[in-house]
N, C-alpha and C. Protein backbone atom coordinates (compact mmCIF):
# COMPACT_ATOMS: atom_id res chain seq x y z
N UNK A 1 0.20 103.02 33.51
CA UNK A 1 0.47 101.90 34.43
C UNK A 1 0.86 100.67 33.61
N UNK A 2 2.06 100.12 33.84
CA UNK A 2 2.46 98.95 33.06
C UNK A 2 1.64 97.72 33.44
N UNK A 3 1.61 96.76 32.51
CA UNK A 3 0.89 95.52 32.78
C UNK A 3 1.63 94.71 33.85
N UNK A 4 0.91 93.98 34.69
CA UNK A 4 1.57 93.16 35.72
C UNK A 4 2.42 92.06 35.10
N UNK A 5 3.57 91.82 35.72
CA UNK A 5 4.52 90.82 35.21
C UNK A 5 4.21 89.46 35.83
N UNK A 6 3.14 88.82 35.35
CA UNK A 6 2.78 87.51 35.88
C UNK A 6 3.83 86.44 35.58
N UNK A 7 4.40 86.39 34.36
CA UNK A 7 5.44 85.37 34.12
C UNK A 7 6.63 85.51 35.05
N UNK A 8 7.01 86.76 35.33
CA UNK A 8 8.12 86.95 36.25
C UNK A 8 7.79 86.49 37.66
N UNK A 9 6.55 86.74 38.07
CA UNK A 9 6.12 86.29 39.40
C UNK A 9 6.15 84.76 39.49
N UNK A 10 5.68 84.10 38.45
CA UNK A 10 5.68 82.64 38.45
C UNK A 10 7.10 82.10 38.41
N UNK A 11 7.98 82.78 37.68
CA UNK A 11 9.36 82.31 37.60
C UNK A 11 10.12 82.45 38.90
N UNK A 12 9.68 83.32 39.79
CA UNK A 12 10.37 83.51 41.06
C UNK A 12 9.96 82.50 42.13
N UNK A 13 9.01 81.65 41.82
CA UNK A 13 8.56 80.65 42.80
C UNK A 13 9.56 79.50 42.85
N UNK A 14 10.04 79.09 44.03
CA UNK A 14 11.03 78.00 44.13
C UNK A 14 10.39 76.61 43.99
N UNK A 15 10.11 76.25 42.74
CA UNK A 15 9.46 74.95 42.50
C UNK A 15 10.34 73.79 42.95
N UNK A 16 11.66 73.93 42.83
CA UNK A 16 12.53 72.83 43.22
C UNK A 16 12.39 72.48 44.70
N UNK A 17 12.06 73.48 45.50
CA UNK A 17 11.85 73.22 46.93
C UNK A 17 10.43 72.73 47.19
N UNK A 18 9.48 73.34 46.52
CA UNK A 18 8.08 72.99 46.76
C UNK A 18 7.78 71.56 46.32
N UNK A 19 8.29 71.18 45.14
CA UNK A 19 8.03 69.84 44.62
C UNK A 19 9.08 68.84 45.12
N UNK A 20 10.34 69.29 45.17
CA UNK A 20 11.41 68.38 45.58
C UNK A 20 11.35 68.01 47.05
N UNK A 21 10.79 68.90 47.88
CA UNK A 21 10.72 68.58 49.32
C UNK A 21 9.93 67.32 49.61
N UNK A 22 8.68 67.19 49.13
CA UNK A 22 7.94 65.94 49.37
C UNK A 22 8.59 64.71 48.74
N UNK A 23 9.21 64.87 47.57
CA UNK A 23 9.85 63.72 46.93
C UNK A 23 11.08 63.26 47.73
N UNK A 24 11.87 64.21 48.20
CA UNK A 24 13.01 63.83 49.04
C UNK A 24 12.55 63.17 50.34
N UNK A 25 11.45 63.66 50.89
CA UNK A 25 10.91 63.05 52.10
C UNK A 25 10.47 61.61 51.84
N UNK A 26 9.90 61.34 50.65
CA UNK A 26 9.50 59.98 50.31
C UNK A 26 10.70 59.06 50.18
N UNK A 27 11.78 59.56 49.57
CA UNK A 27 13.00 58.76 49.45
C UNK A 27 13.58 58.44 50.82
N UNK A 28 13.63 59.44 51.69
CA UNK A 28 14.13 59.21 53.04
C UNK A 28 13.24 58.24 53.82
N UNK A 29 11.93 58.33 53.59
CA UNK A 29 11.02 57.41 54.27
C UNK A 29 11.26 55.97 53.83
N UNK A 30 11.49 55.76 52.52
CA UNK A 30 11.79 54.41 52.05
C UNK A 30 13.10 53.90 52.62
N UNK A 31 14.10 54.77 52.71
CA UNK A 31 15.39 54.36 53.28
C UNK A 31 15.23 53.99 54.75
N UNK A 32 14.47 54.79 55.49
CA UNK A 32 14.24 54.48 56.90
C UNK A 32 13.47 53.17 57.07
N UNK A 33 12.50 52.92 56.19
CA UNK A 33 11.73 51.67 56.27
C UNK A 33 12.63 50.47 56.01
N UNK A 34 13.54 50.59 55.04
CA UNK A 34 14.45 49.48 54.74
C UNK A 34 15.39 49.22 55.91
N UNK A 35 15.90 50.28 56.53
CA UNK A 35 16.78 50.10 57.68
C UNK A 35 16.02 49.51 58.86
N UNK A 36 14.77 49.89 59.03
CA UNK A 36 13.97 49.31 60.11
C UNK A 36 13.77 47.82 59.91
N UNK A 37 13.49 47.40 58.67
CA UNK A 37 13.33 45.98 58.38
C UNK A 37 14.63 45.22 58.60
N UNK A 38 15.76 45.81 58.17
CA UNK A 38 17.05 45.14 58.36
C UNK A 38 17.38 44.99 59.85
N UNK A 39 17.09 46.02 60.63
CA UNK A 39 17.34 45.94 62.08
C UNK A 39 16.42 44.92 62.73
N UNK A 40 15.18 44.82 62.25
CA UNK A 40 14.25 43.83 62.78
C UNK A 40 14.78 42.42 62.54
N UNK A 41 15.27 42.16 61.33
CA UNK A 41 15.82 40.83 61.01
C UNK A 41 17.01 40.52 61.90
N UNK A 42 17.88 41.51 62.09
CA UNK A 42 19.08 41.28 62.88
C UNK A 42 18.77 41.09 64.36
N UNK A 43 17.86 41.89 64.88
CA UNK A 43 17.59 41.83 66.33
C UNK A 43 16.68 40.67 66.71
N UNK A 44 15.72 40.35 65.85
CA UNK A 44 14.75 39.31 66.19
C UNK A 44 15.19 37.93 65.71
N UNK A 45 15.73 37.88 64.50
CA UNK A 45 16.01 36.58 63.92
C UNK A 45 17.37 35.99 64.21
N UNK A 46 18.30 36.79 64.75
CA UNK A 46 19.66 36.29 64.98
C UNK A 46 20.13 36.71 66.36
N UNK A 47 21.10 35.96 66.84
CA UNK A 47 21.69 36.24 68.14
C UNK A 47 23.19 36.00 68.06
N UNK A 48 23.91 36.57 69.03
CA UNK A 48 25.35 36.40 69.07
C UNK A 48 25.70 34.95 69.38
N UNK A 49 26.75 34.46 68.72
CA UNK A 49 27.19 33.08 68.97
C UNK A 49 27.78 32.96 70.37
N UNK A 50 27.55 31.80 70.98
CA UNK A 50 28.07 31.59 72.34
C UNK A 50 29.57 31.37 72.35
N UNK A 51 30.10 30.89 71.25
CA UNK A 51 31.54 30.63 71.22
C UNK A 51 32.30 31.94 71.09
N UNK A 52 33.33 32.06 71.93
CA UNK A 52 34.12 33.29 71.93
C UNK A 52 34.90 33.47 70.63
N UNK A 53 35.26 32.36 70.00
CA UNK A 53 36.12 32.46 68.82
C UNK A 53 35.31 32.73 67.55
N UNK A 54 34.00 32.71 67.67
CA UNK A 54 33.15 33.01 66.52
C UNK A 54 32.53 34.39 66.68
N UNK A 55 32.53 35.13 65.61
CA UNK A 55 31.99 36.48 65.64
C UNK A 55 30.67 36.59 64.88
N UNK A 56 30.29 35.53 64.14
CA UNK A 56 29.07 35.65 63.36
C UNK A 56 27.84 35.46 64.24
N UNK A 57 26.72 35.83 63.71
CA UNK A 57 25.46 35.69 64.42
C UNK A 57 24.75 34.44 63.91
N UNK A 58 24.05 33.79 64.83
CA UNK A 58 23.35 32.55 64.49
C UNK A 58 21.84 32.77 64.54
N UNK A 59 21.10 32.01 63.72
CA UNK A 59 19.64 32.17 63.72
C UNK A 59 19.03 31.76 65.06
N UNK A 60 17.94 32.42 65.39
CA UNK A 60 17.17 32.06 66.58
C UNK A 60 16.13 31.01 66.18
N UNK A 61 16.09 29.90 66.94
CA UNK A 61 15.16 28.82 66.63
C UNK A 61 14.11 28.70 67.72
N UNK A 62 12.95 28.22 67.32
CA UNK A 62 11.86 27.93 68.24
C UNK A 62 11.57 26.44 68.15
N UNK A 63 11.49 25.77 69.31
CA UNK A 63 11.27 24.34 69.37
C UNK A 63 9.84 24.05 69.80
N UNK A 64 9.17 23.21 69.02
CA UNK A 64 7.79 22.79 69.31
C UNK A 64 7.80 21.31 69.66
N UNK A 65 7.04 20.95 70.69
CA UNK A 65 6.86 19.55 71.07
C UNK A 65 5.43 19.13 70.78
N UNK A 66 5.25 17.97 70.21
CA UNK A 66 3.92 17.48 69.85
C UNK A 66 3.96 15.96 69.79
N UNK A 67 2.78 15.37 69.77
CA UNK A 67 2.64 13.92 69.69
C UNK A 67 1.87 13.55 68.43
N UNK A 68 2.24 12.41 67.88
CA UNK A 68 1.51 11.91 66.71
C UNK A 68 1.62 10.39 66.69
N UNK A 69 0.68 9.74 66.00
CA UNK A 69 0.64 8.28 65.94
C UNK A 69 1.57 7.80 64.82
N UNK A 70 2.31 6.76 65.15
CA UNK A 70 3.28 6.18 64.20
C UNK A 70 2.99 4.69 64.09
N UNK A 71 2.97 4.17 62.86
CA UNK A 71 2.74 2.74 62.62
C UNK A 71 4.09 2.08 62.33
N UNK A 72 4.37 1.01 63.11
CA UNK A 72 5.60 0.25 62.89
C UNK A 72 5.52 -0.52 61.58
N UNK A 73 6.51 -0.35 60.72
CA UNK A 73 6.48 -0.99 59.40
C UNK A 73 6.60 -2.51 59.49
N UNK A 74 7.24 -3.03 60.55
CA UNK A 74 7.44 -4.48 60.66
C UNK A 74 6.24 -5.17 61.30
N UNK A 75 5.84 -4.68 62.47
CA UNK A 75 4.75 -5.33 63.20
C UNK A 75 3.38 -4.76 62.89
N UNK A 76 3.36 -3.57 62.36
CA UNK A 76 2.07 -2.93 62.10
C UNK A 76 1.43 -2.33 63.33
N UNK A 77 2.16 -2.36 64.47
CA UNK A 77 1.60 -1.80 65.70
C UNK A 77 1.61 -0.27 65.63
N UNK A 78 0.61 0.30 66.20
CA UNK A 78 0.48 1.76 66.19
C UNK A 78 0.82 2.30 67.56
N UNK A 79 1.72 3.21 67.61
CA UNK A 79 2.14 3.83 68.86
C UNK A 79 2.07 5.34 68.73
N UNK A 80 1.95 5.97 69.88
CA UNK A 80 1.96 7.43 69.94
C UNK A 80 3.33 7.88 70.43
N UNK A 81 3.98 8.64 69.64
CA UNK A 81 5.32 9.10 69.99
C UNK A 81 5.36 10.63 70.03
N UNK A 82 6.32 11.12 70.77
CA UNK A 82 6.49 12.56 70.93
C UNK A 82 7.64 13.02 70.05
N UNK A 83 7.40 14.11 69.36
CA UNK A 83 8.41 14.66 68.44
C UNK A 83 8.67 16.13 68.80
N UNK A 84 9.78 16.58 68.32
CA UNK A 84 10.15 17.98 68.47
C UNK A 84 10.52 18.56 67.09
N UNK A 85 10.01 19.73 66.84
CA UNK A 85 10.32 20.42 65.58
C UNK A 85 11.04 21.73 65.92
N UNK A 86 12.11 21.96 65.20
CA UNK A 86 12.95 23.16 65.42
C UNK A 86 12.83 24.04 64.17
N UNK A 87 12.27 25.25 64.37
CA UNK A 87 11.96 26.14 63.25
C UNK A 87 12.62 27.50 63.51
N UNK A 88 13.26 28.07 62.49
CA UNK A 88 13.81 29.43 62.66
C UNK A 88 12.70 30.45 62.95
N UNK A 89 12.98 31.34 63.89
CA UNK A 89 11.98 32.32 64.31
C UNK A 89 11.58 33.24 63.15
N UNK A 90 12.51 33.54 62.26
CA UNK A 90 12.20 34.46 61.16
C UNK A 90 11.13 33.92 60.22
N UNK A 91 10.97 32.59 60.19
CA UNK A 91 9.95 32.01 59.33
C UNK A 91 8.57 32.05 59.96
N UNK A 92 8.49 32.49 61.22
CA UNK A 92 7.23 32.51 61.94
C UNK A 92 6.66 33.92 62.10
N UNK A 93 7.40 34.93 61.66
CA UNK A 93 6.95 36.31 61.82
C UNK A 93 6.97 36.99 60.45
N UNK A 94 6.19 38.04 60.37
CA UNK A 94 6.17 38.85 59.15
C UNK A 94 7.22 39.96 59.24
N UNK A 95 8.03 40.05 58.20
CA UNK A 95 9.03 41.11 58.15
C UNK A 95 8.34 42.40 57.69
N UNK A 96 8.49 43.49 58.43
CA UNK A 96 7.78 44.74 58.07
C UNK A 96 8.44 45.45 56.89
N UNK A 97 8.10 45.02 55.69
CA UNK A 97 8.62 45.68 54.49
C UNK A 97 7.54 46.58 53.90
N UNK A 98 7.77 47.87 53.98
CA UNK A 98 6.85 48.87 53.43
C UNK A 98 7.66 49.87 52.60
N UNK A 99 7.00 50.45 51.65
CA UNK A 99 7.63 51.51 50.88
C UNK A 99 6.56 52.50 50.40
N UNK A 100 7.00 53.72 50.20
CA UNK A 100 6.11 54.74 49.64
C UNK A 100 5.98 54.47 48.14
N UNK A 101 4.77 54.13 47.72
CA UNK A 101 4.55 53.74 46.32
C UNK A 101 4.06 54.89 45.45
N UNK A 102 3.49 55.94 46.06
CA UNK A 102 2.92 57.01 45.24
C UNK A 102 2.96 58.32 46.03
N UNK A 103 3.43 59.36 45.38
CA UNK A 103 3.45 60.70 45.96
C UNK A 103 2.80 61.65 44.96
N UNK A 104 1.78 62.34 45.39
CA UNK A 104 1.09 63.31 44.54
C UNK A 104 1.19 64.68 45.18
N UNK A 105 1.75 65.62 44.43
CA UNK A 105 1.93 66.98 44.92
C UNK A 105 1.00 67.90 44.13
N UNK A 106 0.07 68.52 44.81
CA UNK A 106 -0.84 69.50 44.20
C UNK A 106 -0.43 70.89 44.67
N UNK A 107 -0.07 71.73 43.72
CA UNK A 107 0.39 73.08 44.06
C UNK A 107 -0.33 74.08 43.17
N UNK A 108 -1.07 74.96 43.79
CA UNK A 108 -1.84 75.96 43.06
C UNK A 108 -1.34 77.36 43.43
N UNK A 109 -1.22 78.20 42.41
CA UNK A 109 -0.80 79.58 42.60
C UNK A 109 -1.87 80.49 42.01
N UNK A 110 -2.28 81.48 42.79
CA UNK A 110 -3.24 82.48 42.32
C UNK A 110 -2.59 83.85 42.41
N UNK A 111 -2.56 84.54 41.28
CA UNK A 111 -1.99 85.87 41.21
C UNK A 111 -3.09 86.89 40.95
N UNK A 112 -3.12 87.94 41.73
CA UNK A 112 -4.11 89.01 41.56
C UNK A 112 -3.37 90.34 41.44
N UNK A 113 -3.71 91.08 40.44
CA UNK A 113 -3.14 92.41 40.26
C UNK A 113 -4.15 93.44 40.77
N UNK A 114 -3.71 94.23 41.73
CA UNK A 114 -4.57 95.24 42.35
C UNK A 114 -4.00 96.61 42.03
N UNK A 115 -4.79 97.46 41.40
CA UNK A 115 -4.39 98.82 41.08
C UNK A 115 -5.23 99.79 41.91
N UNK A 116 -4.56 100.75 42.48
CA UNK A 116 -5.23 101.74 43.31
C UNK A 116 -4.99 103.13 42.72
N UNK A 117 -6.02 103.95 42.78
CA UNK A 117 -5.95 105.32 42.30
C UNK A 117 -6.39 106.23 43.43
N UNK A 118 -5.66 107.30 43.62
CA UNK A 118 -6.00 108.28 44.67
C UNK A 118 -5.85 109.68 44.08
N UNK A 119 -6.88 110.49 44.25
CA UNK A 119 -6.87 111.88 43.75
C UNK A 119 -7.18 112.81 44.92
N UNK A 120 -6.37 113.84 45.05
CA UNK A 120 -6.59 114.82 46.12
C UNK A 120 -6.46 116.22 45.53
N UNK A 121 -7.28 117.12 46.01
CA UNK A 121 -7.24 118.51 45.54
C UNK A 121 -7.27 119.44 46.74
N UNK A 122 -6.65 120.61 46.55
CA UNK A 122 -6.57 121.58 47.63
C UNK A 122 -6.73 122.98 47.03
N UNK A 123 -7.64 123.74 47.56
CA UNK A 123 -7.94 125.09 47.07
C UNK A 123 -7.86 126.05 48.25
N UNK A 124 -7.00 127.05 48.15
CA UNK A 124 -6.80 128.01 49.23
C UNK A 124 -7.08 129.42 48.70
N UNK A 125 -7.73 130.21 49.50
CA UNK A 125 -8.01 131.61 49.19
C UNK A 125 -7.57 132.45 50.39
N UNK A 126 -6.69 133.39 50.14
CA UNK A 126 -6.24 134.31 51.18
C UNK A 126 -6.63 135.74 50.76
N UNK A 127 -7.17 136.47 51.67
CA UNK A 127 -7.56 137.86 51.40
C UNK A 127 -7.01 138.78 52.48
N UNK A 128 -6.73 139.99 52.07
CA UNK A 128 -6.19 140.97 53.01
C UNK A 128 -6.78 142.34 52.67
N UNK A 129 -7.25 143.02 53.63
CA UNK A 129 -7.85 144.34 53.45
C UNK A 129 -7.04 145.36 54.25
N UNK A 130 -6.59 146.40 53.58
CA UNK A 130 -5.86 147.48 54.22
C UNK A 130 -6.60 148.80 53.94
N UNK A 131 -6.78 149.56 54.92
CA UNK A 131 -7.50 150.83 54.71
C UNK A 131 -7.01 151.95 55.60
N UNK A 132 -7.24 153.18 55.10
CA UNK A 132 -6.91 154.39 55.85
C UNK A 132 -8.09 155.34 55.77
N UNK A 133 -8.60 155.72 56.87
CA UNK A 133 -9.82 156.52 56.87
C UNK A 133 -9.53 157.91 57.48
N UNK A 134 -9.91 158.88 56.71
CA UNK A 134 -9.78 160.25 57.22
C UNK A 134 -11.15 160.88 57.47
N UNK A 135 -11.14 162.23 57.67
CA UNK A 135 -12.40 162.88 57.90
C UNK A 135 -13.22 162.98 56.64
N UNK A 136 -12.53 163.28 55.56
CA UNK A 136 -13.29 163.48 54.32
C UNK A 136 -12.97 162.44 53.25
N UNK A 137 -11.87 161.82 53.37
CA UNK A 137 -11.46 160.85 52.33
C UNK A 137 -11.11 159.53 52.99
N UNK A 138 -11.19 158.51 52.19
CA UNK A 138 -10.81 157.18 52.68
C UNK A 138 -10.01 156.42 51.62
N UNK A 139 -9.17 155.51 52.02
CA UNK A 139 -8.31 154.74 51.11
C UNK A 139 -8.34 153.28 51.56
N UNK A 140 -8.80 152.41 50.67
CA UNK A 140 -8.93 150.98 51.02
C UNK A 140 -8.22 150.14 49.96
N UNK A 141 -7.42 149.21 50.40
CA UNK A 141 -6.75 148.26 49.50
C UNK A 141 -7.20 146.84 49.86
N UNK A 142 -7.50 146.08 48.85
CA UNK A 142 -7.97 144.69 49.05
C UNK A 142 -7.09 143.77 48.22
N UNK A 143 -6.47 142.83 48.87
CA UNK A 143 -5.55 141.90 48.21
C UNK A 143 -6.07 140.47 48.37
N UNK A 144 -6.22 139.81 47.26
CA UNK A 144 -6.73 138.44 47.27
C UNK A 144 -5.73 137.54 46.54
N UNK A 145 -5.39 136.41 47.15
CA UNK A 145 -4.52 135.40 46.50
C UNK A 145 -5.19 134.03 46.61
N UNK A 146 -5.11 133.30 45.56
CA UNK A 146 -5.73 131.96 45.53
C UNK A 146 -4.74 130.95 44.96
N UNK A 147 -4.83 129.73 45.44
CA UNK A 147 -3.98 128.63 44.94
C UNK A 147 -4.82 127.36 44.83
N UNK A 148 -4.50 126.56 43.84
CA UNK A 148 -5.23 125.31 43.60
C UNK A 148 -4.23 124.21 43.27
N UNK A 149 -4.29 123.11 43.99
CA UNK A 149 -3.39 121.97 43.78
C UNK A 149 -4.22 120.70 43.63
N UNK A 150 -3.81 119.90 42.66
CA UNK A 150 -4.48 118.62 42.44
C UNK A 150 -3.43 117.55 42.24
N UNK A 151 -3.50 116.45 43.01
CA UNK A 151 -2.53 115.36 42.95
C UNK A 151 -3.24 114.06 42.63
N UNK A 152 -2.56 113.28 41.78
CA UNK A 152 -3.05 111.95 41.43
C UNK A 152 -1.95 110.93 41.74
N UNK A 153 -2.33 109.90 42.44
CA UNK A 153 -1.40 108.82 42.79
C UNK A 153 -1.95 107.49 42.28
N UNK A 154 -1.07 106.72 41.67
CA UNK A 154 -1.44 105.38 41.21
C UNK A 154 -0.42 104.38 41.74
N UNK A 155 -0.91 103.22 42.12
CA UNK A 155 -0.03 102.15 42.61
C UNK A 155 -0.57 100.81 42.15
N UNK A 156 0.36 99.87 42.02
CA UNK A 156 0.00 98.52 41.57
C UNK A 156 0.63 97.50 42.50
N UNK A 157 -0.16 96.51 42.89
CA UNK A 157 0.32 95.48 43.82
C UNK A 157 -0.17 94.13 43.33
N UNK A 158 0.73 93.14 43.35
CA UNK A 158 0.37 91.78 42.95
C UNK A 158 0.27 90.91 44.21
N UNK A 159 -0.89 90.35 44.42
CA UNK A 159 -1.12 89.47 45.57
C UNK A 159 -0.98 88.02 45.13
N UNK A 160 -0.21 87.27 45.90
CA UNK A 160 0.03 85.86 45.59
C UNK A 160 -0.58 84.97 46.67
N UNK A 161 -1.27 83.97 46.25
CA UNK A 161 -1.88 83.00 47.16
C UNK A 161 -1.42 81.60 46.77
N UNK A 162 -0.87 80.86 47.74
CA UNK A 162 -0.35 79.51 47.49
C UNK A 162 -1.23 78.49 48.22
N UNK A 163 -1.41 77.38 47.56
CA UNK A 163 -2.18 76.28 48.14
C UNK A 163 -1.49 74.97 47.75
N UNK A 164 -1.01 74.23 48.72
CA UNK A 164 -0.27 72.99 48.45
C UNK A 164 -0.82 71.85 49.29
N UNK A 165 -0.96 70.69 48.66
CA UNK A 165 -1.37 69.47 49.37
C UNK A 165 -0.54 68.31 48.84
N UNK A 166 -0.15 67.43 49.74
CA UNK A 166 0.68 66.28 49.40
C UNK A 166 -0.04 65.01 49.82
N UNK A 167 -0.21 64.08 48.88
CA UNK A 167 -0.85 62.80 49.16
C UNK A 167 0.21 61.70 49.05
N UNK A 168 0.31 60.89 50.08
CA UNK A 168 1.31 59.82 50.12
C UNK A 168 0.61 58.50 50.33
N UNK A 169 0.99 57.51 49.53
CA UNK A 169 0.46 56.15 49.66
C UNK A 169 1.63 55.19 49.90
N UNK A 170 1.47 54.37 50.93
CA UNK A 170 2.47 53.36 51.26
C UNK A 170 1.81 51.99 51.29
N UNK A 171 2.57 50.97 50.92
CA UNK A 171 2.02 49.63 50.88
C UNK A 171 3.09 48.62 51.23
N UNK A 172 2.63 47.44 51.62
CA UNK A 172 3.55 46.35 51.93
C UNK A 172 4.09 45.77 50.63
N UNK A 173 5.39 45.47 50.63
CA UNK A 173 6.04 44.95 49.43
C UNK A 173 6.75 43.64 49.76
N UNK A 174 7.10 42.92 48.71
CA UNK A 174 7.84 41.68 48.88
C UNK A 174 9.26 41.98 49.35
N UNK A 175 9.85 41.09 50.16
CA UNK A 175 11.22 41.31 50.60
C UNK A 175 12.20 41.24 49.44
N UNK A 176 13.36 41.83 49.58
CA UNK A 176 14.36 41.77 48.51
C UNK A 176 14.81 40.35 48.22
N UNK A 177 15.47 40.18 47.08
CA UNK A 177 15.90 38.84 46.66
C UNK A 177 16.84 38.22 47.68
N UNK A 178 17.74 39.02 48.25
CA UNK A 178 18.67 38.47 49.23
C UNK A 178 17.97 37.94 50.46
N UNK A 179 16.96 38.65 50.92
CA UNK A 179 16.21 38.19 52.09
C UNK A 179 15.43 36.92 51.76
N UNK A 180 14.87 36.85 50.57
CA UNK A 180 14.15 35.64 50.17
C UNK A 180 15.08 34.44 50.13
N UNK A 181 16.29 34.66 49.67
CA UNK A 181 17.28 33.58 49.64
C UNK A 181 17.63 33.11 51.05
N UNK A 182 17.74 34.07 51.98
CA UNK A 182 18.00 33.70 53.38
C UNK A 182 16.86 32.86 53.93
N UNK A 183 15.63 33.22 53.60
CA UNK A 183 14.48 32.44 54.05
C UNK A 183 14.53 31.02 53.49
N UNK A 184 14.93 30.87 52.24
CA UNK A 184 15.02 29.54 51.64
C UNK A 184 16.06 28.69 52.37
N UNK A 185 17.19 29.30 52.72
CA UNK A 185 18.22 28.55 53.44
C UNK A 185 17.72 28.18 54.84
N UNK A 186 17.06 29.11 55.50
CA UNK A 186 16.55 28.81 56.83
C UNK A 186 15.49 27.72 56.80
N UNK A 187 14.71 27.69 55.74
CA UNK A 187 13.67 26.67 55.63
C UNK A 187 14.29 25.27 55.55
N UNK A 188 15.46 25.18 54.95
CA UNK A 188 16.13 23.88 54.86
C UNK A 188 16.69 23.41 56.20
N UNK A 189 16.77 24.30 57.17
CA UNK A 189 17.30 23.91 58.48
C UNK A 189 16.21 23.44 59.45
N UNK A 190 14.97 23.43 59.01
CA UNK A 190 13.89 22.93 59.88
C UNK A 190 14.10 21.45 60.12
N UNK A 191 14.08 21.05 61.37
CA UNK A 191 14.30 19.64 61.72
C UNK A 191 13.14 19.11 62.55
N UNK A 192 12.91 17.82 62.39
CA UNK A 192 11.91 17.10 63.18
C UNK A 192 12.57 15.86 63.74
N UNK A 193 12.63 15.75 65.06
CA UNK A 193 13.30 14.62 65.72
C UNK A 193 12.34 13.98 66.71
N UNK A 194 12.58 12.71 66.91
CA UNK A 194 11.75 11.98 67.86
C UNK A 194 12.31 12.13 69.26
N UNK A 195 11.42 12.43 70.20
CA UNK A 195 11.83 12.56 71.58
C UNK A 195 12.18 11.20 72.15
N UNK A 196 12.84 11.18 73.27
CA UNK A 196 13.30 9.91 73.85
C UNK A 196 12.18 9.09 74.42
N UNK A 197 11.13 9.69 74.93
CA UNK A 197 10.05 8.96 75.56
C UNK A 197 8.94 8.72 74.56
N UNK A 198 8.27 7.59 74.65
CA UNK A 198 7.11 7.27 73.82
C UNK A 198 6.18 6.38 74.60
N UNK A 199 4.93 6.33 74.24
CA UNK A 199 3.94 5.52 74.96
C UNK A 199 3.10 4.75 73.95
N UNK A 200 2.70 3.50 74.28
CA UNK A 200 1.87 2.73 73.37
C UNK A 200 0.52 3.37 73.17
N UNK A 201 0.00 3.23 71.98
CA UNK A 201 -1.32 3.76 71.69
C UNK A 201 -2.37 2.95 72.38
N UNK A 202 -3.37 3.55 73.01
CA UNK A 202 -4.44 2.78 73.71
C UNK A 202 -5.29 2.02 72.71
């Protein structure tokens, strides 16, 4: 019985699929996460321009109204005035930037060589008696035949057991440089204006 070909068995395992599958899935997950963040910025932070001749998208702004006390530099009188602040919506929400940071693939292979032996034997005996009997004499013939067969069978089987587990870790990451630059530009567009109505401070 030849020795089991364990190296050949291991070489026939499609490692490129077993290991590459989870890695490709991680790459696709990162791509999908980036596209989701880009769509979020486009759908939430920008809107179509009202002018028909313009095709670009404009930032969405949120306007806040509030009151605060203001001191007149000339008279020193203190009054309460109402102001409005206009802030881009994108600066008020968190952009969902996530990426798969770690992928661990654990793959275990167990090979077992099983050898089986089977022995069978068969023994047959056939006999035949022929005779002729007279008044004074008799004639008897006895024929015996025997056969013996013995068979041995051997077989070898390699059992393979696979065990695979994939651990994935994802975390929030900083936005790309281009997005950070957009945030800086939007931050410069924040405005604070005084409302038309004001009331004297009590």
